[in-house]
Amino acid sequence: MNHLFNSVRWRLQLWHALILLCVIAALCVLAYRLALDDRRERIDRELESFERAFMRSFWDITSRRNKDGPPGGKDELRDRFRSLASGAEFPLEMRDLFDPEANESIYLAFWDGNGQTLFRSANAPESLNCPQLPPPDPDPQSRMRGTFRELVQSGPRGFRSLVGRD
């Protein structure tokens, strides 16, 4: 048997097999990375569209309550966020925000320029803190915090929003 592997033909076949194995492994790693990046982009799009839908619903609901005209300054914005007691007026897909038992769903939090919490969904993780003020950028910044995928966005006067999911 030892004589068999001393042959040039067998050595060449072993080298070819090793090279083929490396190429297949590299292609598998590439496919895994592409699938992972695609999944992260899909989750980011889902989080961004959820935040937009929440803000549309939020402005509709609070505008119906406060028919005094256009929104005021920071204080009125604070009052509007703090007036969200229950999710009864929100669409069904957003009611998990007000349910502390809904751990496997999307969560939201908003902070003002001083870092004071304006709104924090009941299903947000306990470890969620006010993010550092990101540089002014119209696009949300995505991040991984443990097992949580989150999008952080900054607005005028230090207003920050965070939307995430497990």
C-alpha atoms as a PDB file:
ATOM      1  CA  MET A   1       0.000   0.000   0.000  1.00  0.00           C
ATOM      2  CA  ASN A   2       2.889   2.325   0.767  1.00  0.00           C
ATOM      3  CA  HIS A   3       4.101   1.752  -2.784  1.00  0.00           C
ATOM      4  CA  LEU A   4       0.763   3.084  -4.075  1.00  0.00           C
ATOM      5  CA  PHE A   5       1.207   6.576  -2.517  1.00  0.00           C
ATOM      6  CA  ASN A   6       4.796   6.842  -3.727  1.00  0.00           C
ATOM      7  CA  SER A   7       3.458   7.041  -7.258  1.00  0.00           C
ATOM      8  CA  VAL A   8       3.512  10.475  -8.927  1.00  0.00           C
ATOM      9  CA  ARG A   9      -0.026   9.920 -10.218  1.00  0.00           C
ATOM     10  CA  TRP A  10      -1.429   9.410  -6.678  1.00  0.00           C
ATOM     11  CA  ARG A  11       0.451  12.382  -5.284  1.00  0.00           C
ATOM     12  CA  LEU A  12      -0.927  14.553  -8.070  1.00  0.00           C
ATOM     13  CA  GLN A  13      -4.461  13.305  -7.402  1.00  0.00           C
ATOM     14  CA  LEU A  14      -4.082  14.026  -3.680  1.00  0.00           C
ATOM     15  CA  TRP A  15      -2.932  17.574  -4.448  1.00  0.00           C
ATOM     16  CA  HIS A  16      -5.879  18.062  -6.806  1.00  0.00           C
ATOM     17  CA  ALA A  17      -8.266  16.732  -4.150  1.00  0.00           C
ATOM     18  CA  LEU A  18      -6.782  19.096  -1.550  1.00  0.00           C
ATOM     19  CA  ILE A  19      -7.098  22.098  -3.886  1.00  0.00           C
ATOM     20  CA  LEU A  20     -10.681  21.123  -4.771  1.00  0.00           C
ATOM     21  CA  LEU A  21     -11.529  20.765  -1.079  1.00  0.00           C
ATOM     22  CA  CYS A  22     -10.131  24.266  -0.389  1.00  0.00           C
ATOM     23  CA  VAL A  23     -12.129  25.755  -3.295  1.00  0.00           C
ATOM     24  CA  ILE A  24     -15.342  24.088  -2.095  1.00  0.00           C
ATOM     25  CA  ALA A  25     -14.736  25.283   1.484  1.00  0.00           C
ATOM     26  CA  ALA A  26     -14.092  28.851   0.253  1.00  0.00           C
ATOM     27  CA  LEU A  27     -17.318  28.798  -1.782  1.00  0.00           C
ATOM     28  CA  CYS A  28     -19.268  27.549   1.244  1.00  0.00           C
ATOM     29  CA  VAL A  29     -17.855  30.344   3.423  1.00  0.00           C
ATOM     30  CA  LEU A  30     -18.688  32.886   0.707  1.00  0.00           C
ATOM     31  CA  ALA A  31     -22.266  31.589   0.401  1.00  0.00           C
ATOM     32  CA  TYR A  32     -22.668  31.728   4.191  1.00  0.00           C
ATOM     33  CA  ARG A  33     -21.393  35.331   4.352  1.00  0.00           C
ATOM     34  CA  LEU A  34     -23.671  36.425   1.494  1.00  0.00           C
ATOM     35  CA  ALA A  35     -26.692  34.797   3.149  1.00  0.00           C
ATOM     36  CA  LEU A  36     -25.805  36.425   6.484  1.00  0.00           C
ATOM     37  CA  ASP A  37     -25.434  39.873   4.886  1.00  0.00           C
ATOM     38  CA  ASP A  38     -28.715  39.415   3.012  1.00  0.00           C
ATOM     39  CA  ARG A  39     -30.503  38.447   6.225  1.00  0.00           C
ATOM     40  CA  ARG A  40     -29.111  41.481   8.072  1.00  0.00           C
ATOM     41  CA  GLU A  41     -30.182  43.809   5.258  1.00  0.00           C
ATOM     42  CA  ARG A  42     -33.659  42.269   5.272  1.00  0.00           C
ATOM     43  CA  ILE A  43     -33.941  42.731   9.053  1.00  0.00           C
ATOM     44  CA  ASP A  44     -32.716  46.343   8.748  1.00  0.00           C
ATOM     45  CA  ARG A  45     -35.341  47.090   6.079  1.00  0.00           C
ATOM     46  CA  GLU A  46     -38.010  45.481   8.270  1.00  0.00           C
ATOM     47  CA  LEU A  47     -36.971  47.565  11.290  1.00  0.00           C
ATOM     48  CA  GLU A  48     -36.852  50.767   9.266  1.00  0.00           C
ATOM     49  CA  SER A  49     -40.295  50.221   7.756  1.00  0.00           C
ATOM     50  CA  PHE A  50     -41.706  49.347  11.201  1.00  0.00           C
ATOM     51  CA  GLU A  51     -40.345  52.589  12.648  1.00  0.00           C
ATOM     52  CA  ARG A  52     -41.856  54.591   9.780  1.00  0.00           C
ATOM     53  CA  ALA A  53     -45.231  52.905  10.240  1.00  0.00           C
ATOM     54  CA  PHE A  54     -45.079  53.569  13.997  1.00  0.00           C
ATOM     55  CA  MET A  55     -44.280  57.244  13.470  1.00  0.00           C
ATOM     56  CA  ARG A  56     -47.130  57.610  10.958  1.00  0.00           C
ATOM     57  CA  SER A  57     -49.544  55.997  13.408  1.00  0.00           C
ATOM     58  CA  PHE A  58     -48.114  58.028  16.298  1.00  0.00           C
ATOM     59  CA  TRP A  59     -48.641  61.353  14.506  1.00  0.00           C
ATOM     60  CA  ASP A  60     -52.120  60.341  13.335  1.00  0.00           C
ATOM     61  CA  ILE A  61     -53.213  59.273  16.821  1.00  0.00           C
ATOM     62  CA  THR A  62     -51.719  62.218  18.694  1.00  0.00           C
ATOM     63  CA  SER A  63     -52.983  64.695  16.076  1.00  0.00           C
ATOM     64  CA  ARG A  64     -56.511  63.346  16.525  1.00  0.00           C
ATOM     65  CA  ARG A  65     -56.187  63.874  20.285  1.00  0.00           C
ATOM     66  CA  ASN A  66     -54.618  67.334  20.030  1.00  0.00           C
ATOM     67  CA  LYS A  67     -56.564  69.159  17.358  1.00  0.00           C
ATOM     68  CA  ASP A  68     -55.071  72.486  18.449  1.00  0.00           C
ATOM     69  CA  GLY A  69     -53.156  72.932  15.200  1.00  0.00           C
ATOM     70  CA  PRO A  70     -49.575  72.186  14.197  1.00  0.00           C
ATOM     71  CA  PRO A  71     -47.221  70.499  16.667  1.00  0.00           C
ATOM     72  CA  GLY A  72     -45.321  72.766  19.008  1.00  0.00           C
ATOM     73  CA  GLY A  73     -41.803  72.459  20.322  1.00  0.00           C
ATOM     74  CA  LYS A  74     -39.902  69.938  22.385  1.00  0.00           C
ATOM     75  CA  ASP A  75     -42.298  70.070  25.311  1.00  0.00           C
ATOM     76  CA  GLU A  76     -45.308  69.193  23.203  1.00  0.00           C
ATOM     77  CA  LEU A  77     -43.367  66.364  21.563  1.00  0.00           C
ATOM     78  CA  ARG A  78     -42.471  65.051  25.046  1.00  0.00           C
ATOM     79  CA  ASP A  79     -46.120  65.241  26.087  1.00  0.00           C
ATOM     80  CA  ARG A  80     -47.254  63.418  22.958  1.00  0.00           C
ATOM     81  CA  PHE A  81     -44.816  60.563  23.539  1.00  0.00           C
ATOM     82  CA  ARG A  82     -45.669  60.308  27.222  1.00  0.00           C
ATOM     83  CA  SER A  83     -49.388  60.238  26.442  1.00  0.00           C
ATOM     84  CA  LEU A  84     -48.992  56.815  24.814  1.00  0.00           C
ATOM     85  CA  ALA A  85     -50.389  54.657  27.591  1.00  0.00           C
ATOM     86  CA  SER A  86     -51.838  51.741  25.663  1.00  0.00           C
ATOM     87  CA  GLY A  87     -51.667  50.395  22.165  1.00  0.00           C
ATOM     88  CA  ALA A  88     -55.415  50.177  21.684  1.00  0.00           C
ATOM     89  CA  GLU A  89     -55.370  52.884  19.009  1.00  0.00           C
ATOM     90  CA  PHE A  90     -52.411  51.423  17.126  1.00  0.00           C
ATOM     91  CA  PRO A  91     -52.655  48.810  14.357  1.00  0.00           C
ATOM     92  CA  LEU A  92     -52.552  45.169  15.477  1.00  0.00           C
ATOM     93  CA  GLU A  93     -48.954  44.576  14.400  1.00  0.00           C
ATOM     94  CA  MET A  94     -47.805  47.333  16.776  1.00  0.00           C
ATOM     95  CA  ARG A  95     -49.662  46.308  19.896  1.00  0.00           C
ATOM     96  CA  ASP A  96     -46.791  44.083  21.023  1.00  0.00           C
ATOM     97  CA  LEU A  97     -44.924  47.305  21.827  1.00  0.00           C
ATOM     98  CA  PHE A  98     -47.235  47.771  24.802  1.00  0.00           C
ATOM     99  CA  ASP A  99     -47.109  44.131  25.967  1.00  0.00           C
ATOM    100  CA  PRO A 100     -44.208  43.377  28.351  1.00  0.00           C
ATOM    101  CA  GLU A 101     -44.603  39.645  27.660  1.00  0.00           C
ATOM    102  CA  ALA A 102     -43.904  40.033  23.907  1.00  0.00           C
ATOM    103  CA  ASN A 103     -40.174  39.332  24.000  1.00  0.00           C
ATOM    104  CA  GLU A 104     -39.749  38.036  20.454  1.00  0.00           C
ATOM    105  CA  SER A 105     -40.998  41.124  18.623  1.00  0.00           C
ATOM    106  CA  ILE A 106     -39.741  44.516  17.516  1.00  0.00           C
ATOM    107  CA  TYR A 107     -39.145  47.145  20.211  1.00  0.00           C
ATOM    108  CA  LEU A 108     -38.781  50.931  20.063  1.00  0.00           C
ATOM    109  CA  ALA A 109     -37.344  53.701  22.202  1.00  0.00           C
ATOM    110  CA  PHE A 110     -37.019  57.462  21.769  1.00  0.00           C
ATOM    111  CA  TRP A 111     -34.857  59.943  23.697  1.00  0.00           C
ATOM    112  CA  ASP A 112     -34.597  63.720  23.648  1.00  0.00           C
ATOM    113  CA  GLY A 113     -31.364  65.719  23.406  1.00  0.00           C
ATOM    114  CA  ASN A 114     -30.755  65.423  27.169  1.00  0.00           C
ATOM    115  CA  GLY A 115     -30.976  61.635  27.081  1.00  0.00           C
ATOM    116  CA  GLN A 116     -34.351  61.543  28.839  1.00  0.00           C
ATOM    117  CA  THR A 117     -36.612  58.748  27.690  1.00  0.00           C
ATOM    118  CA  LEU A 118     -39.604  60.002  25.732  1.00  0.00           C
ATOM    119  CA  PHE A 119     -41.032  56.584  24.924  1.00  0.00           C
ATOM    120  CA  ARG A 120     -39.823  53.075  25.592  1.00  0.00           C
ATOM    121  CA  SER A 121     -41.883  50.133  24.464  1.00  0.00           C
ATOM    122  CA  ALA A 122     -42.898  47.714  27.193  1.00  0.00           C
ATOM    123  CA  ASN A 123     -41.240  44.810  25.371  1.00  0.00           C
ATOM    124  CA  ALA A 124     -37.818  46.531  25.155  1.00  0.00           C
ATOM    125  CA  PRO A 125     -34.975  44.649  26.858  1.00  0.00           C
ATOM    126  CA  GLU A 126     -33.980  45.789  30.340  1.00  0.00           C
ATOM    127  CA  SER A 127     -30.397  46.402  29.187  1.00  0.00           C
ATOM    128  CA  LEU A 128     -31.478  49.075  26.682  1.00  0.00           C
ATOM    129  CA  ASN A 129     -29.865  52.451  27.408  1.00  0.00           C
ATOM    130  CA  CYS A 130     -29.793  55.741  25.563  1.00  0.00           C
ATOM    131  CA  PRO A 131     -27.293  55.385  22.698  1.00  0.00           C
ATOM    132  CA  GLN A 132     -24.492  57.871  22.300  1.00  0.00           C
ATOM    133  CA  LEU A 133     -25.348  60.674  19.955  1.00  0.00           C
ATOM    134  CA  PRO A 134     -24.347  59.406  16.514  1.00  0.00           C
ATOM    135  CA  PRO A 135     -22.911  61.849  13.996  1.00  0.00           C
ATOM    136  CA  PRO A 136     -25.598  63.697  12.038  1.00  0.00           C
ATOM    137  CA  ASP A 137     -26.523  61.282   9.282  1.00  0.00           C
ATOM    138  CA  PRO A 138     -29.893  60.956   7.571  1.00  0.00           C
ATOM    139  CA  ASP A 139     -29.461  57.188   7.316  1.00  0.00           C
ATOM    140  CA  PRO A 140     -29.945  55.021  10.399  1.00  0.00           C
ATOM    141  CA  GLN A 141     -26.883  53.256  11.760  1.00  0.00           C
ATOM    142  CA  SER A 142     -27.257  49.529  12.278  1.00  0.00           C
ATOM    143  CA  ARG A 143     -25.538  47.686  15.097  1.00  0.00           C
ATOM    144  CA  MET A 144     -25.478  44.370  16.891  1.00  0.00           C
ATOM    145  CA  ARG A 145     -25.800  44.515  20.671  1.00  0.00           C
ATOM    146  CA  GLY A 146     -25.468  40.959  21.906  1.00  0.00           C
ATOM    147  CA  THR A 147     -28.198  39.051  20.085  1.00  0.00           C
ATOM    148  CA  PHE A 148     -30.164  42.221  19.290  1.00  0.00           C
ATOM    149  CA  ARG A 149     -30.118  43.858  15.866  1.00  0.00           C
ATOM    150  CA  GLU A 150     -30.785  47.585  16.245  1.00  0.00           C
ATOM    151  CA  LEU A 151     -31.057  50.717  14.122  1.00  0.00           C
ATOM    152  CA  VAL A 152     -30.129  54.023  15.748  1.00  0.00           C
ATOM    153  CA  GLN A 153     -31.090  57.312  14.152  1.00  0.00           C
ATOM    154  CA  SER A 154     -30.477  60.867  15.268  1.00  0.00           C
ATOM    155  CA  GLY A 155     -32.736  63.766  14.576  1.00  0.00           C
ATOM    156  CA  PRO A 156     -32.777  67.493  15.164  1.00  0.00           C
ATOM    157  CA  ARG A 157     -31.680  68.845  18.555  1.00  0.00           C
ATOM    158  CA  GLY A 158     -30.265  65.509  19.708  1.00  0.00           C
ATOM    159  CA  PHE A 159     -33.504  63.547  19.342  1.00  0.00           C
ATOM    160  CA  ARG A 160     -32.604  59.831  19.065  1.00  0.00           C
ATOM    161  CA  SER A 161     -34.629  56.826  18.061  1.00  0.00           C
ATOM    162  CA  LEU A 162     -33.794  53.161  18.341  1.00  0.00           C
ATOM    163  CA  VAL A 163     -35.688  50.252  16.845  1.00  0.00           C
ATOM    164  CA  GLY A 164     -34.527  46.680  17.336  1.00  0.00           C
ATOM    165  CA  ARG A 165     -35.383  43.026  17.569  1.00  0.00           C
ATOM    166  CA  ASP A 166     -33.964  39.832  18.967  1.00  0.00           C
END
